[in-house]
Every structure is written in structure tokens, then in C-alpha cells.
PDB file of N, CA and C in Angstrom:
ATOM      1  N   MET A   1     -37.134  -1.658   3.435  1.00  0.00           N
ATOM      2  CA  MET A   1     -38.370  -2.190   3.467  1.00  0.00           C
ATOM      3  C   MET A   1     -38.383  -3.065   4.596  1.00  0.00           C
ATOM      4  N   THR A   2     -37.329  -3.681   5.240  1.00  0.00           N
ATOM      5  CA  THR A   2     -37.607  -4.153   6.520  1.00  0.00           C
ATOM      6  C   THR A   2     -38.418  -3.406   7.761  1.00  0.00           C
ATOM      7  N   ASP A   3     -38.785  -2.035   7.476  1.00  0.00           N
ATOM      8  CA  ASP A   3     -39.564  -1.465   8.199  1.00  0.00           C
ATOM      9  C   ASP A   3     -40.841  -1.728   8.545  1.00  0.00           C
ATOM     10  N   PHE A   4     -41.486  -2.335   7.409  1.00  0.00           N
ATOM     11  CA  PHE A   4     -42.925  -3.113   7.280  1.00  0.00           C
ATOM     12  C   PHE A   4     -43.076  -4.125   7.258  1.00  0.00           C
ATOM     13  N   LEU A   5     -42.117  -4.715   7.909  1.00  0.00           N
ATOM     14  CA  LEU A   5     -42.204  -6.229   8.184  1.00  0.00           C
ATOM     15  C   LEU A   5     -42.628  -6.803   9.586  1.00  0.00           C
ATOM     16  N   PRO A   6     -43.307  -7.398  10.035  1.00  0.00           N
ATOM     17  CA  PRO A   6     -43.870  -7.610  11.085  1.00  0.00           C
ATOM     18  C   PRO A   6     -42.834  -8.522  11.676  1.00  0.00           C
ATOM     19  N   GLU A   7     -42.728  -8.338  13.112  1.00  0.00           N
ATOM     20  CA  GLU A   7     -41.535  -8.663  14.096  1.00  0.00           C
ATOM     21  C   GLU A   7     -41.271  -9.824  13.587  1.00  0.00           C
ATOM     22  N   ALA A   8     -41.996 -10.610  13.417  1.00  0.00           N
ATOM     23  CA  ALA A   8     -41.947 -12.709  13.627  1.00  0.00           C
ATOM     24  C   ALA A   8     -41.021 -11.992  11.916  1.00  0.00           C
ATOM     25  N   VAL A   9     -41.643 -11.990  11.492  1.00  0.00           N
ATOM     26  CA  VAL A   9     -41.387 -12.494   9.522  1.00  0.00           C
ATOM     27  C   VAL A   9     -39.693 -11.721   9.968  1.00  0.00           C
ATOM     28  N   ARG A  10     -39.199 -10.515  10.498  1.00  0.00           N
ATOM     29  CA  ARG A  10     -38.281 -10.253  10.369  1.00  0.00           C
ATOM     30  C   ARG A  10     -37.107 -11.013  11.409  1.00  0.00           C
ATOM     31  N   LYS A  11     -37.905 -11.424  12.660  1.00  0.00           N
ATOM     32  CA  LYS A  11     -36.259 -12.529  13.141  1.00  0.00           C
ATOM     33  C   LYS A  11     -36.809 -13.972  12.271  1.00  0.00           C
ATOM     34  N   GLY A  12     -37.684 -14.346  11.575  1.00  0.00           N
ATOM     35  CA  GLY A  12     -37.026 -15.766  10.606  1.00  0.00           C
ATOM     36  C   GLY A  12     -35.941 -15.256   9.686  1.00  0.00           C
ATOM     37  N   LEU A  13     -36.595 -13.718   9.415  1.00  0.00           N
ATOM     38  CA  LEU A  13     -35.564 -13.612   7.752  1.00  0.00           C
ATOM     39  C   LEU A  13     -33.827 -13.765   8.569  1.00  0.00           C
ATOM     40  N   GLU A  14     -33.963 -12.881   9.950  1.00  0.00           N
ATOM     41  CA  GLU A  14     -32.544 -12.773  10.742  1.00  0.00           C
ATOM     42  C   GLU A  14     -32.142 -14.259  11.234  1.00  0.00           C
ATOM     43  N   ASP A  15     -33.232 -15.202  11.457  1.00  0.00           N
ATOM     44  CA  ASP A  15     -32.435 -16.193  12.147  1.00  0.00           C
ATOM     45  C   ASP A  15     -31.974 -17.015  10.546  1.00  0.00           C
ATOM     46  N   ALA A  16     -32.736 -17.431   9.618  1.00  0.00           N
ATOM     47  CA  ALA A  16     -32.078 -17.523   8.215  1.00  0.00           C
ATOM     48  C   ALA A  16     -30.847 -17.331   7.600  1.00  0.00           C
ATOM     49  N   ARG A  17     -30.501 -16.055   8.039  1.00  0.00           N
ATOM     50  CA  ARG A  17     -29.541 -15.410   7.754  1.00  0.00           C
ATOM     51  C   ARG A  17     -28.463 -15.964   8.354  1.00  0.00           C
ATOM     52  N   LYS A  18     -28.565 -16.055   9.513  1.00  0.00           N
ATOM     53  CA  LYS A  18     -27.308 -16.868  10.412  1.00  0.00           C
ATOM     54  C   LYS A  18     -27.254 -18.629  10.369  1.00  0.00           C
ATOM     55  N   ALA A  19     -27.872 -19.057   9.811  1.00  0.00           N
ATOM     56  CA  ALA A  19     -27.938 -20.460   9.882  1.00  0.00           C
ATOM     57  C   ALA A  19     -27.428 -20.713   8.633  1.00  0.00           C
ATOM     58  N   ALA A  20     -27.299 -19.768   6.801  1.00  0.00           N
ATOM     59  CA  ALA A  20     -26.947 -19.855   5.876  1.00  0.00           C
ATOM     60  C   ALA A  20     -25.077 -19.545   6.293  1.00  0.00           C
ATOM     61  N   GLN A  21     -25.207 -18.528   7.134  1.00  0.00           N
ATOM     62  CA  GLN A  21     -23.917 -18.263   7.456  1.00  0.00           C
ATOM     63  C   GLN A  21     -22.939 -19.385   8.308  1.00  0.00           C
ATOM     64  N   ARG A  22     -23.523 -19.955   9.445  1.00  0.00           N
ATOM     65  CA  ARG A  22     -23.151 -20.864   9.779  1.00  0.00           C
ATOM     66  C   ARG A  22     -22.540 -21.766   9.122  1.00  0.00           C
ATOM     67  N   ARG A  23     -23.742 -22.723   7.895  1.00  0.00           N
ATOM     68  CA  ARG A  23     -23.547 -23.802   7.264  1.00  0.00           C
ATOM     69  C   ARG A  23     -22.681 -23.552   6.063  1.00  0.00           C
ATOM     70  N   SER A  24     -22.114 -22.333   5.421  1.00  0.00           N
ATOM     71  CA  SER A  24     -21.436 -21.505   4.408  1.00  0.00           C
ATOM     72  C   SER A  24     -19.784 -21.222   5.149  1.00  0.00           C
ATOM     73  N   SER A  25     -19.929 -21.170   6.459  1.00  0.00           N
ATOM     74  CA  SER A  25     -18.786 -21.595   6.912  1.00  0.00           C
ATOM     75  C   SER A  25     -18.008 -22.796   7.596  1.00  0.00           C
ATOM     76  N   ARG A  26     -16.301 -22.447   7.321  1.00  0.00           N
ATOM     77  CA  ARG A  26     -16.134 -23.933   7.493  1.00  0.00           C
ATOM     78  C   ARG A  26     -14.925 -23.794   8.660  1.00  0.00           C
ATOM     79  N   LEU A  27     -15.008 -22.408   8.987  1.00  0.00           N
ATOM     80  CA  LEU A  27     -13.790 -22.035  10.403  1.00  0.00           C
ATOM     81  C   LEU A  27     -14.442 -22.464  11.238  1.00  0.00           C
ATOM     82  N   CYS A  28     -13.374 -22.537  12.327  1.00  0.00           N
ATOM     83  CA  CYS A  28     -13.634 -22.720  14.024  1.00  0.00           C
ATOM     84  C   CYS A  28     -12.808 -22.085  14.636  1.00  0.00           C
ATOM     85  N   VAL A  29     -12.994 -22.497  16.073  1.00  0.00           N
ATOM     86  CA  VAL A  29     -12.093 -22.169  17.157  1.00  0.00           C
ATOM     87  C   VAL A  29     -11.827 -23.191  17.799  1.00  0.00           C
ATOM     88  N   HIS A  30     -10.872 -23.210  18.102  1.00  0.00           N
ATOM     89  CA  HIS A  30     -10.505 -24.733  19.067  1.00  0.00           C
ATOM     90  C   HIS A  30     -10.226 -23.942  20.220  1.00  0.00           C
ATOM     91  N   ASP A  31     -10.987 -24.592  21.776  1.00  0.00           N
ATOM     92  CA  ASP A  31     -10.514 -23.584  22.839  1.00  0.00           C
ATOM     93  C   ASP A  31     -10.075 -24.861  23.836  1.00  0.00           C
ATOM     94  N   GLY A  32      -9.545 -24.949  23.934  1.00  0.00           N
ATOM     95  CA  GLY A  32      -9.015 -26.565  24.826  1.00  0.00           C
ATOM     96  C   GLY A  32      -9.690 -27.346  23.582  1.00  0.00           C
ATOM     97  N   ASP A  33     -10.642 -28.474  24.603  1.00  0.00           N
ATOM     98  CA  ASP A  33     -11.488 -29.169  23.766  1.00  0.00           C
ATOM     99  C   ASP A  33     -12.695 -28.861  23.021  1.00  0.00           C
ATOM    100  N   ASN A  34     -12.731 -27.853  23.567  1.00  0.00           N
ATOM    101  CA  ASN A  34     -14.113 -27.175  22.937  1.00  0.00           C
ATOM    102  C   ASN A  34     -14.072 -26.477  21.436  1.00  0.00           C
ATOM    103  N   VAL A  35     -14.928 -26.321  20.867  1.00  0.00           N
ATOM    104  CA  VAL A  35     -15.215 -26.011  19.443  1.00  0.00           C
ATOM    105  C   VAL A  35     -15.879 -25.491  18.704  1.00  0.00           C
ATOM    106  N   HIS A  36     -16.042 -24.054  18.857  1.00  0.00           N
ATOM    107  CA  HIS A  36     -16.671 -23.048  18.281  1.00  0.00           C
ATOM    108  C   HIS A  36     -17.222 -22.012  16.844  1.00  0.00           C
ATOM    109  N   ARG A  37     -17.974 -22.165  16.450  1.00  0.00           N
ATOM    110  CA  ARG A  37     -18.119 -22.434  14.686  1.00  0.00           C
ATOM    111  C   ARG A  37     -18.206 -20.639  14.511  1.00  0.00           C
ATOM    112  N   VAL A  38     -17.192 -20.352  13.701  1.00  0.00           N
ATOM    113  CA  VAL A  38     -16.929 -18.816  13.307  1.00  0.00           C
ATOM    114  C   VAL A  38     -17.847 -18.524  12.144  1.00  0.00           C
ATOM    115  N   LEU A  39     -18.367 -17.183  12.051  1.00  0.00           N
ATOM    116  CA  LEU A  39     -19.302 -16.472  11.220  1.00  0.00           C
ATOM    117  C   LEU A  39     -18.095 -15.759  10.056  1.00  0.00           C
ATOM    118  N   ARG A  40     -17.842 -14.886  10.763  1.00  0.00           N
ATOM    119  CA  ARG A  40     -17.099 -14.104   9.658  1.00  0.00           C
ATOM    120  C   ARG A  40     -15.617 -13.880  10.129  1.00  0.00           C
ATOM    121  N   PHE A  41     -14.345 -13.491   9.700  1.00  0.00           N
ATOM    122  CA  PHE A  41     -12.884 -13.886   9.749  1.00  0.00           C
ATOM    123  C   PHE A  41     -12.447 -12.364   8.786  1.00  0.00           C
ATOM    124  N   TRP A  42     -11.888 -11.832   9.410  1.00  0.00           N
ATOM    125  CA  TRP A  42     -10.944 -10.949   9.041  1.00  0.00           C
ATOM    126  C   TRP A  42      -9.382 -10.540   9.229  1.00  0.00           C
ATOM    127  N   ASP A  43      -8.377  -9.811   9.028  1.00  0.00           N
ATOM    128  CA  ASP A  43      -7.597  -9.305   9.513  1.00  0.00           C
ATOM    129  C   ASP A  43      -7.193  -9.442  11.157  1.00  0.00           C
ATOM    130  N   GLY A  44      -8.151  -8.191  11.430  1.00  0.00           N
ATOM    131  CA  GLY A  44      -8.273  -8.158  13.062  1.00  0.00           C
ATOM    132  C   GLY A  44      -8.939  -8.565  13.839  1.00  0.00           C
ATOM    133  N   GLY A  45      -9.542  -9.786  13.201  1.00  0.00           N
ATOM    134  CA  GLY A  45     -10.666 -10.385  14.335  1.00  0.00           C
ATOM    135  C   GLY A  45     -11.587 -11.735  13.810  1.00  0.00           C
ATOM    136  N   PHE A  46     -12.243 -11.582  14.380  1.00  0.00           N
ATOM    137  CA  PHE A  46     -13.693 -12.884  13.792  1.00  0.00           C
ATOM    138  C   PHE A  46     -15.045 -12.401  14.733  1.00  0.00           C
ATOM    139  N   ALA A  47     -15.664 -12.796  14.353  1.00  0.00           N
ATOM    140  CA  ALA A  47     -17.228 -13.183  14.847  1.00  0.00           C
ATOM    141  C   ALA A  47     -17.594 -14.302  14.597  1.00  0.00           C
ATOM    142  N   MET A  48     -18.647 -14.498  16.024  1.00  0.00           N
ATOM    143  CA  MET A  48     -19.294 -15.792  16.070  1.00  0.00           C
ATOM    144  C   MET A  48     -20.691 -15.026  16.889  1.00  0.00           C
ATOM    145  N   ASP A  49     -21.678 -15.908  16.595  1.00  0.00           N
ATOM    146  CA  ASP A  49     -22.933 -15.977  16.958  1.00  0.00           C
ATOM    147  C   ASP A  49     -23.226 -15.666  18.500  1.00  0.00           C
ATOM    148  N   ALA A  50     -23.732 -14.580  18.730  1.00  0.00           N
ATOM    149  CA  ALA A  50     -23.681 -13.638  20.328  1.00  0.00           C
ATOM    150  C   ALA A  50     -24.691 -14.899  21.088  1.00  0.00           C
ATOM    151  N   GLU A  51     -25.247 -15.836  20.603  1.00  0.00           N
ATOM    152  CA  GLU A  51     -26.061 -16.940  21.379  1.00  0.00           C
ATOM    153  C   GLU A  51     -25.228 -17.628  22.072  1.00  0.00           C
ATOM    154  N   ASN A  52     -24.763 -18.656  21.187  1.00  0.00           N
ATOM    155  CA  ASN A  52     -23.160 -19.508  21.608  1.00  0.00           C
ATOM    156  C   ASN A  52     -22.050 -19.452  21.884  1.00  0.00           C
ATOM    157  N   ALA A  53     -21.751 -18.143  21.809  1.00  0.00           N
ATOM    158  CA  ALA A  53     -20.096 -17.906  21.749  1.00  0.00           C
ATOM    159  C   ALA A  53     -19.736 -17.540  23.269  1.00  0.00           C
ATOM    160  N   PRO A  54     -19.179 -18.130  23.465  1.00  0.00           N
ATOM    161  CA  PRO A  54     -18.423 -17.732  24.926  1.00  0.00           C
ATOM    162  C   PRO A  54     -17.452 -16.871  25.403  1.00  0.00           C
ATOM    163  N   ASN A  55     -17.130 -16.449  25.941  1.00  0.00           N
ATOM    164  CA  ASN A  55     -16.418 -15.237  26.314  1.00  0.00           C
ATOM    165  C   ASN A  55     -14.811 -15.752  26.069  1.00  0.00           C
ATOM    166  N   LEU A  56     -14.523 -15.776  25.345  1.00  0.00           N
ATOM    167  CA  LEU A  56     -12.969 -16.286  24.734  1.00  0.00           C
ATOM    168  C   LEU A  56     -11.837 -15.294  25.350  1.00  0.00           C
ATOM    169  N   ARG A  57     -11.016 -15.851  26.092  1.00  0.00           N
ATOM    170  CA  ARG A  57      -9.861 -14.635  26.518  1.00  0.00           C
ATOM    171  C   ARG A  57      -8.651 -15.354  26.295  1.00  0.00           C
ATOM    172  N   GLY A  58      -7.431 -14.906  25.426  1.00  0.00           N
ATOM    173  CA  GLY A  58      -6.376 -15.866  25.640  1.00  0.00           C
ATOM    174  C   GLY A  58      -6.013 -16.549  24.319  1.00  0.00           C
ATOM    175  N   HIS A  59      -5.077 -17.853  24.226  1.00  0.00           N
ATOM    176  CA  HIS A  59      -4.569 -18.395  23.623  1.00  0.00           C
ATOM    177  C   HIS A  59      -5.996 -19.259  22.694  1.00  0.00           C
ATOM    178  N   VAL A  60      -6.310 -18.967  21.721  1.00  0.00           N
ATOM    179  CA  VAL A  60      -6.902 -20.278  20.892  1.00  0.00           C
ATOM    180  C   VAL A  60      -6.272 -20.562  19.336  1.00  0.00           C
ATOM    181  N   GLU A  61      -6.975 -21.628  18.748  1.00  0.00           N
ATOM    182  CA  GLU A  61      -6.382 -22.343  17.986  1.00  0.00           C
ATOM    183  C   GLU A  61      -7.971 -21.881  16.680  1.00  0.00           C
ATOM    184  N   LEU A  62      -7.251 -21.079  15.571  1.00  0.00           N
ATOM    185  CA  LEU A  62      -8.322 -21.315  14.444  1.00  0.00           C
ATOM    186  C   LEU A  62      -7.895 -22.367  13.293  1.00  0.00           C
ATOM    187  N   TYR A  63      -9.498 -22.852  12.697  1.00  0.00           N
ATOM    188  CA  TYR A  63      -9.087 -24.414  11.699  1.00  0.00           C
ATOM    189  C   TYR A  63     -10.221 -23.762  10.945  1.00  0.00           C
ATOM    190  N   ASP A  64      -9.625 -24.239   9.064  1.00  0.00           N
ATOM    191  CA  ASP A  64     -10.650 -24.291   8.219  1.00  0.00           C
ATOM    192  C   ASP A  64     -11.028 -25.892   8.322  1.00  0.00           C
ATOM    193  N   GLY A  65     -11.890 -26.167   8.730  1.00  0.00           N
ATOM    194  CA  GLY A  65     -12.079 -27.633   8.303  1.00  0.00           C
ATOM    195  C   GLY A  65     -11.257 -28.772   9.268  1.00  0.00           C
ATOM    196  N   ALA A  66     -10.362 -29.061   8.729  1.00  0.00           N
ATOM    197  CA  ALA A  66      -9.390 -29.959   9.729  1.00  0.00           C
ATOM    198  C   ALA A  66      -8.088 -29.225   9.132  1.00  0.00           C
ATOM    199  N   ARG A  67      -7.945 -28.095   8.483  1.00  0.00           N
ATOM    200  CA  ARG A  67      -6.671 -27.386   8.410  1.00  0.00           C
ATOM    201  C   ARG A  67      -6.481 -26.402   9.489  1.00  0.00           C
ATOM    202  N   HIS A  68      -4.953 -26.308  10.282  1.00  0.00           N
ATOM    203  CA  HIS A  68      -4.589 -25.915  10.974  1.00  0.00           C
ATOM    204  C   HIS A  68      -4.141 -24.427  10.158  1.00  0.00           C
ATOM    205  N   LEU A  69      -4.902 -22.988  10.600  1.00  0.00           N
ATOM    206  CA  LEU A  69      -4.420 -21.598  10.045  1.00  0.00           C
ATOM    207  C   LEU A  69      -3.828 -20.820  10.834  1.00  0.00           C
ATOM    208  N   TYR A  70      -4.432 -20.821  11.675  1.00  0.00           N
ATOM    209  CA  TYR A  70      -3.907 -19.919  12.951  1.00  0.00           C
ATOM    210  C   TYR A  70      -3.499 -20.243  14.677  1.00  0.00           C
ATOM    211  N   GLN A  71      -2.475 -19.859  15.191  1.00  0.00           N
ATOM    212  CA  GLN A  71      -2.606 -19.601  16.598  1.00  0.00           C
ATOM    213  C   GLN A  71      -3.014 -18.261  17.046  1.00  0.00           C
ATOM    214  N   CYS A  72      -4.036 -18.021  17.970  1.00  0.00           N
ATOM    215  CA  CYS A  72      -4.252 -16.693  18.316  1.00  0.00           C
ATOM    216  C   CYS A  72      -4.196 -16.183  19.387  1.00  0.00           C
ATOM    217  N   LEU A  73      -3.776 -14.831  20.004  1.00  0.00           N
ATOM    218  CA  LEU A  73      -4.847 -14.218  21.199  1.00  0.00           C
ATOM    219  C   LEU A  73      -5.280 -13.875  21.270  1.00  0.00           C
ATOM    220  N   VAL A  74      -6.839 -13.721  21.751  1.00  0.00           N
ATOM    221  CA  VAL A  74      -7.864 -12.922  21.552  1.00  0.00           C
ATOM    222  C   VAL A  74      -8.421 -12.505  22.895  1.00  0.00           C
ATOM    223  N   TYR A  75      -9.081 -11.319  22.596  1.00  0.00           N
ATOM    224  CA  TYR A  75     -10.101 -11.071  23.878  1.00  0.00           C
ATOM    225  C   TYR A  75     -11.330 -10.537  22.830  1.00  0.00           C
ATOM    226  N   THR A  76     -12.690 -10.557  23.933  1.00  0.00           N
ATOM    227  CA  THR A  76     -13.860 -10.437  23.460  1.00  0.00           C
ATOM    228  C   THR A  76     -13.886  -8.721  23.305  1.00  0.00           C
ATOM    229  N   SER A  77     -14.187  -7.724  22.278  1.00  0.00           N
ATOM    230  CA  SER A  77     -13.895  -6.786  22.338  1.00  0.00           C
ATOM    231  C   SER A  77     -15.719  -6.470  22.253  1.00  0.00           C
ATOM    232  N   ARG A  78     -16.364  -6.837  21.796  1.00  0.00           N
ATOM    233  CA  ARG A  78     -17.838  -6.093  21.660  1.00  0.00           C
ATOM    234  C   ARG A  78     -18.919  -7.009  21.450  1.00  0.00           C
ATOM    235  N   GLU A  79     -20.253  -6.605  21.231  1.00  0.00           N
ATOM    236  CA  GLU A  79     -21.111  -7.519  20.900  1.00  0.00           C
ATOM    237  C   GLU A  79     -22.228  -6.635  19.969  1.00  0.00           C
ATOM    238  N   GLU A  80     -22.290  -6.664  19.075  1.00  0.00           N
ATOM    239  CA  GLU A  80     -23.438  -5.962  17.651  1.00  0.00           C
ATOM    240  C   GLU A  80     -23.904  -6.808  16.816  1.00  0.00           C
ATOM    241  N   ASP A  81     -25.339  -6.537  16.416  1.00  0.00           N
ATOM    242  CA  ASP A  81     -25.598  -7.188  15.749  1.00  0.00           C
ATOM    243  C   ASP A  81     -25.757  -8.693  15.530  1.00  0.00           C
ATOM    244  N   GLY A  82     -26.220  -9.166  16.692  1.00  0.00           N
ATOM    245  CA  GLY A  82     -26.204 -10.650  17.265  1.00  0.00           C
ATOM    246  C   GLY A  82     -24.977 -11.109  16.918  1.00  0.00           C
ATOM    247  N   GLU A  83     -23.629 -10.625  16.890  1.00  0.00           N
ATOM    248  CA  GLU A  83     -22.882 -11.220  16.918  1.00  0.00           C
ATOM    249  C   GLU A  83     -21.816 -10.845  17.682  1.00  0.00           C
ATOM    250  N   ARG A  84     -21.122 -11.722  18.439  1.00  0.00           N
ATOM    251  CA  ARG A  84     -19.909 -11.310  19.600  1.00  0.00           C
ATOM    252  C   ARG A  84     -18.436 -11.097  18.291  1.00  0.00           C
ATOM    253  N   ILE A  85     -17.970 -10.086  18.846  1.00  0.00           N
ATOM    254  CA  ILE A  85     -16.663  -9.718  17.922  1.00  0.00           C
ATOM    255  C   ILE A  85     -15.460  -9.749  18.801  1.00  0.00           C
ATOM    256  N   TYR A  86     -14.479 -10.570  18.490  1.00  0.00           N
ATOM    257  CA  TYR A  86     -13.299 -10.821  19.118  1.00  0.00           C
ATOM    258  C   TYR A  86     -11.815 -10.042  17.895  1.00  0.00           C
ATOM    259  N   GLU A  87     -11.127  -9.474  18.680  1.00  0.00           N
ATOM    260  CA  GLU A  87      -9.970  -9.190  18.191  1.00  0.00           C
ATOM    261  C   GLU A  87      -8.860  -9.793  18.376  1.00  0.00           C
ATOM    262  N   PHE A  88      -7.597  -9.719  17.552  1.00  0.00           N
ATOM    263  CA  PHE A  88      -6.213 -10.481  17.774  1.00  0.00           C
ATOM    264  C   PHE A  88      -5.764  -9.451  18.040  1.00  0.00           C
ATOM    265  N   LYS A  89      -4.838  -9.918  19.650  1.00  0.00           N
ATOM    266  CA  LYS A  89      -3.902  -9.013  20.155  1.00  0.00           C
ATOM    267  C   LYS A  89      -2.712  -9.713  18.809  1.00  0.00           C
ATOM    268  N   TRP A  90      -2.379 -10.839  19.127  1.00  0.00           N
ATOM    269  CA  TRP A  90      -1.458 -11.536  17.930  1.00  0.00           C
ATOM    270  C   TRP A  90      -2.013 -13.200  17.116  1.00  0.00           C
ATOM    271  N   HIS A  91      -2.137 -13.364  16.063  1.00  0.00           N
ATOM    272  CA  HIS A  91      -1.974 -14.227  15.668  1.00  0.00           C
ATOM    273  C   HIS A  91      -0.727 -14.340  14.675  1.00  0.00           C
ATOM    274  N   ALA A  92      -0.531 -15.714  14.236  1.00  0.00           N
ATOM    275  CA  ALA A  92       0.231 -15.997  13.792  1.00  0.00           C
ATOM    276  C   ALA A  92       0.092 -17.442  12.807  1.00  0.00           C
ATOM    277  N   PRO A  93       0.506 -17.855  11.773  1.00  0.00           N
ATOM    278  CA  PRO A  93       0.260 -18.894  10.542  1.00  0.00           C
ATOM    279  C   PRO A  93       0.645 -19.573  11.278  1.00  0.00           C
ATOM    280  N   VAL A  94       0.075 -21.129  11.121  1.00  0.00           N
ATOM    281  CA  VAL A  94       1.147 -22.385  11.677  1.00  0.00           C
ATOM    282  C   VAL A  94       1.744 -22.765  10.368  1.00  0.00           C
ATOM    283  N   ALA A  95       2.683 -23.115  10.290  1.00  0.00           N
ATOM    284  CA  ALA A  95       3.709 -23.785   9.083  1.00  0.00           C
ATOM    285  C   ALA A  95       3.272 -25.283   8.647  1.00  0.00           C
ATOM    286  N   ASP A  96       3.282 -25.191   7.504  1.00  0.00           N
ATOM    287  CA  ASP A  96       2.789 -26.712   6.691  1.00  0.00           C
ATOM    288  C   ASP A  96       3.888 -27.650   7.066  1.00  0.00           C
ATOM    289  N   ARG A  97       5.510 -27.283   6.965  1.00  0.00           N
ATOM    290  CA  ARG A  97       6.585 -27.871   7.284  1.00  0.00           C
ATOM    291  C   ARG A  97       7.520 -27.921   8.324  1.00  0.00           C
ATOM    292  N   PRO A  98       8.189 -28.282   8.461  1.00  0.00           N
ATOM    293  CA  PRO A  98       9.259 -28.587   9.802  1.00  0.00           C
ATOM    294  C   PRO A  98      10.182 -27.037   9.386  1.00  0.00           C
ATOM    295  N   ALA A  99      10.485 -26.673  10.108  1.00  0.00           N
ATOM    296  CA  ALA A  99      11.857 -25.601   9.749  1.00  0.00           C
ATOM    297  C   ALA A  99      13.258 -25.869   9.375  1.00  0.00           C
ATOM    298  N   ALA A 100      13.916 -25.045   8.440  1.00  0.00           N
ATOM    299  CA  ALA A 100      14.846 -25.683   8.162  1.00  0.00           C
ATOM    300  C   ALA A 100      16.125 -25.198   8.668  1.00  0.00           C
ATOM    301  N   ASP A 101      16.862 -25.745   9.625  1.00  0.00           N
ATOM    302  CA  ASP A 101      18.187 -25.332  10.232  1.00  0.00           C
ATOM    303  C   ASP A 101      19.379 -25.126   9.097  1.00  0.00           C
ATOM    304  N   PHE A 102      19.124 -24.969   7.184  1.00  0.00           N
ATOM    305  CA  PHE A 102      19.645 -24.124   6.973  1.00  0.00           C
ATOM    306  C   PHE A 102      18.815 -23.546   5.839  1.00  0.00           C
ATOM    307  N   GLU A 103      19.640 -23.270   4.857  1.00  0.00           N
ATOM    308  CA  GLU A 103      19.052 -21.731   4.144  1.00  0.00           C
ATOM    309  C   GLU A 103      19.309 -22.358   2.658  1.00  0.00           C
ATOM    310  N   ARG A 104      17.735 -22.467   2.500  1.00  0.00           N
ATOM    311  CA  ARG A 104      17.089 -22.605   1.175  1.00  0.00           C
ATOM    312  C   ARG A 104      17.490 -22.325   0.191  1.00  0.00           C
ATOM    313  N   GLU A 105      18.194 -22.806  -0.740  1.00  0.00           N
ATOM    314  CA  GLU A 105      18.325 -22.220  -2.204  1.00  0.00           C
ATOM    315  C   GLU A 105      17.076 -21.708  -3.470  1.00  0.00           C
ATOM    316  N   ASN A 106      16.847 -20.720  -3.595  1.00  0.00           N
ATOM    317  CA  ASN A 106      15.861 -20.242  -4.392  1.00  0.00           C
ATOM    318  C   ASN A 106      15.722 -21.287  -6.004  1.00  0.00           C
ATOM    319  N   ASP A 107      16.906 -21.601  -6.168  1.00  0.00           N
ATOM    320  CA  ASP A 107      16.945 -22.224  -7.680  1.00  0.00           C
ATOM    321  C   ASP A 107      17.200 -23.330  -7.466  1.00  0.00           C
ATOM    322  N   GLU A 108      17.135 -24.278  -6.577  1.00  0.00           N
ATOM    323  CA  GLU A 108      16.819 -25.893  -6.249  1.00  0.00           C
ATOM    324  C   GLU A 108      15.685 -26.362  -7.073  1.00  0.00           C
ATOM    325  N   PRO A 109      16.341 -27.620  -8.108  1.00  0.00           N
ATOM    326  CA  PRO A 109      14.882 -27.987  -8.439  1.00  0.00           C
ATOM    327  C   PRO A 109      13.997 -28.627  -8.026  1.00  0.00           C
ATOM    328  N   VAL A 110      12.880 -28.244  -8.354  1.00  0.00           N
ATOM    329  CA  VAL A 110      12.072 -29.035  -7.908  1.00  0.00           C
ATOM    330  C   VAL A 110      11.756 -30.574  -8.181  1.00  0.00           C
ATOM    331  N   ALA A 111      11.950 -30.967  -9.149  1.00  0.00           N
ATOM    332  CA  ALA A 111      11.352 -32.738  -9.493  1.00  0.00           C
ATOM    333  C   ALA A 111      13.212 -33.149 -10.453  1.00  0.00           C
ATOM    334  N   LEU A 112      13.593 -34.285 -10.504  1.00  0.00           N
ATOM    335  CA  LEU A 112      14.692 -34.817 -10.754  1.00  0.00           C
ATOM    336  C   LEU A 112      13.884 -35.612 -12.099  1.00  0.00           C
ATOM    337  N   LEU A 113      14.406 -35.374 -13.275  1.00  0.00           N
ATOM    338  CA  LEU A 113      13.741 -35.859 -14.444  1.00  0.00           C
ATOM    339  C   LEU A 113      14.809 -36.907 -14.789  1.00  0.00           C
ATOM    340  N   PRO A 114      14.055 -38.519 -15.190  1.00  0.00           N
ATOM    341  CA  PRO A 114      14.731 -39.820 -15.010  1.00  0.00           C
ATOM    342  C   PRO A 114      15.745 -39.766 -16.552  1.00  0.00           C
ATOM    343  N   ARG A 115      16.196 -40.630 -17.059  1.00  0.00           N
ATOM    344  CA  ARG A 115      17.340 -41.166 -18.074  1.00  0.00           C
ATOM    345  C   ARG A 115      16.539 -41.496 -18.871  1.00  0.00           C
TER     346      ARG A 115
END
């Protein structure tokens, strides 16, 4: 169907699709003081808009809004369909509480009932 559309209309549709992806995604990558918006995320990596994407390499932090999700070691792998694809060498989830120096019991009470 897109074979019959004029080039200007096709470009407008592509720009609208990218803008909708940018608005719907809250994921972002923090590279030092710089923040970059993520378009897509999967187990092996993520994608950003090729026009604004830097050539990231090394340690970056992945956030969902204000919530810190992952610490990642990334490299730029390729560019396709207007997206720059980054792949993980490793990524580790960030703990939401401090590490315990003792074994936690599975049957410990969740809350105490008052008398």
C-alpha cells in the first residue's frame, strides 16, 4: 500500500509514527549527564532514533521515568529503519532495597496484628 503513496506523505507518516513512539515510551538512557529517549527495549538491547542517537559505548543507566531499572554495558551494533540499535554485553537489574548480610526466612510474617 505504501508503494502508491507520494514520498512526502510516506515521510510524514514515518515522522508521525516516530513521534508517537517517543511519546509513548518512558524509557531513557542516562550516559553521564546526558539523557536519551529509548524507542524500543528487548532482552538483548534497545533502539533509539538514529538522527538524535549518540554512538554509545560502555556503561549506561536505563531508567523508566524516575525509576532506575538496569545498569548496562552496551555497544552500537547497527542502524536500520531509522533506528540505531544498541546491544547489551551485560545488563543487571538494580536492587530496590539494600543487600542483606543474613539469610531471609521465607515464612517470616508480613505484618503484625495488634491485640
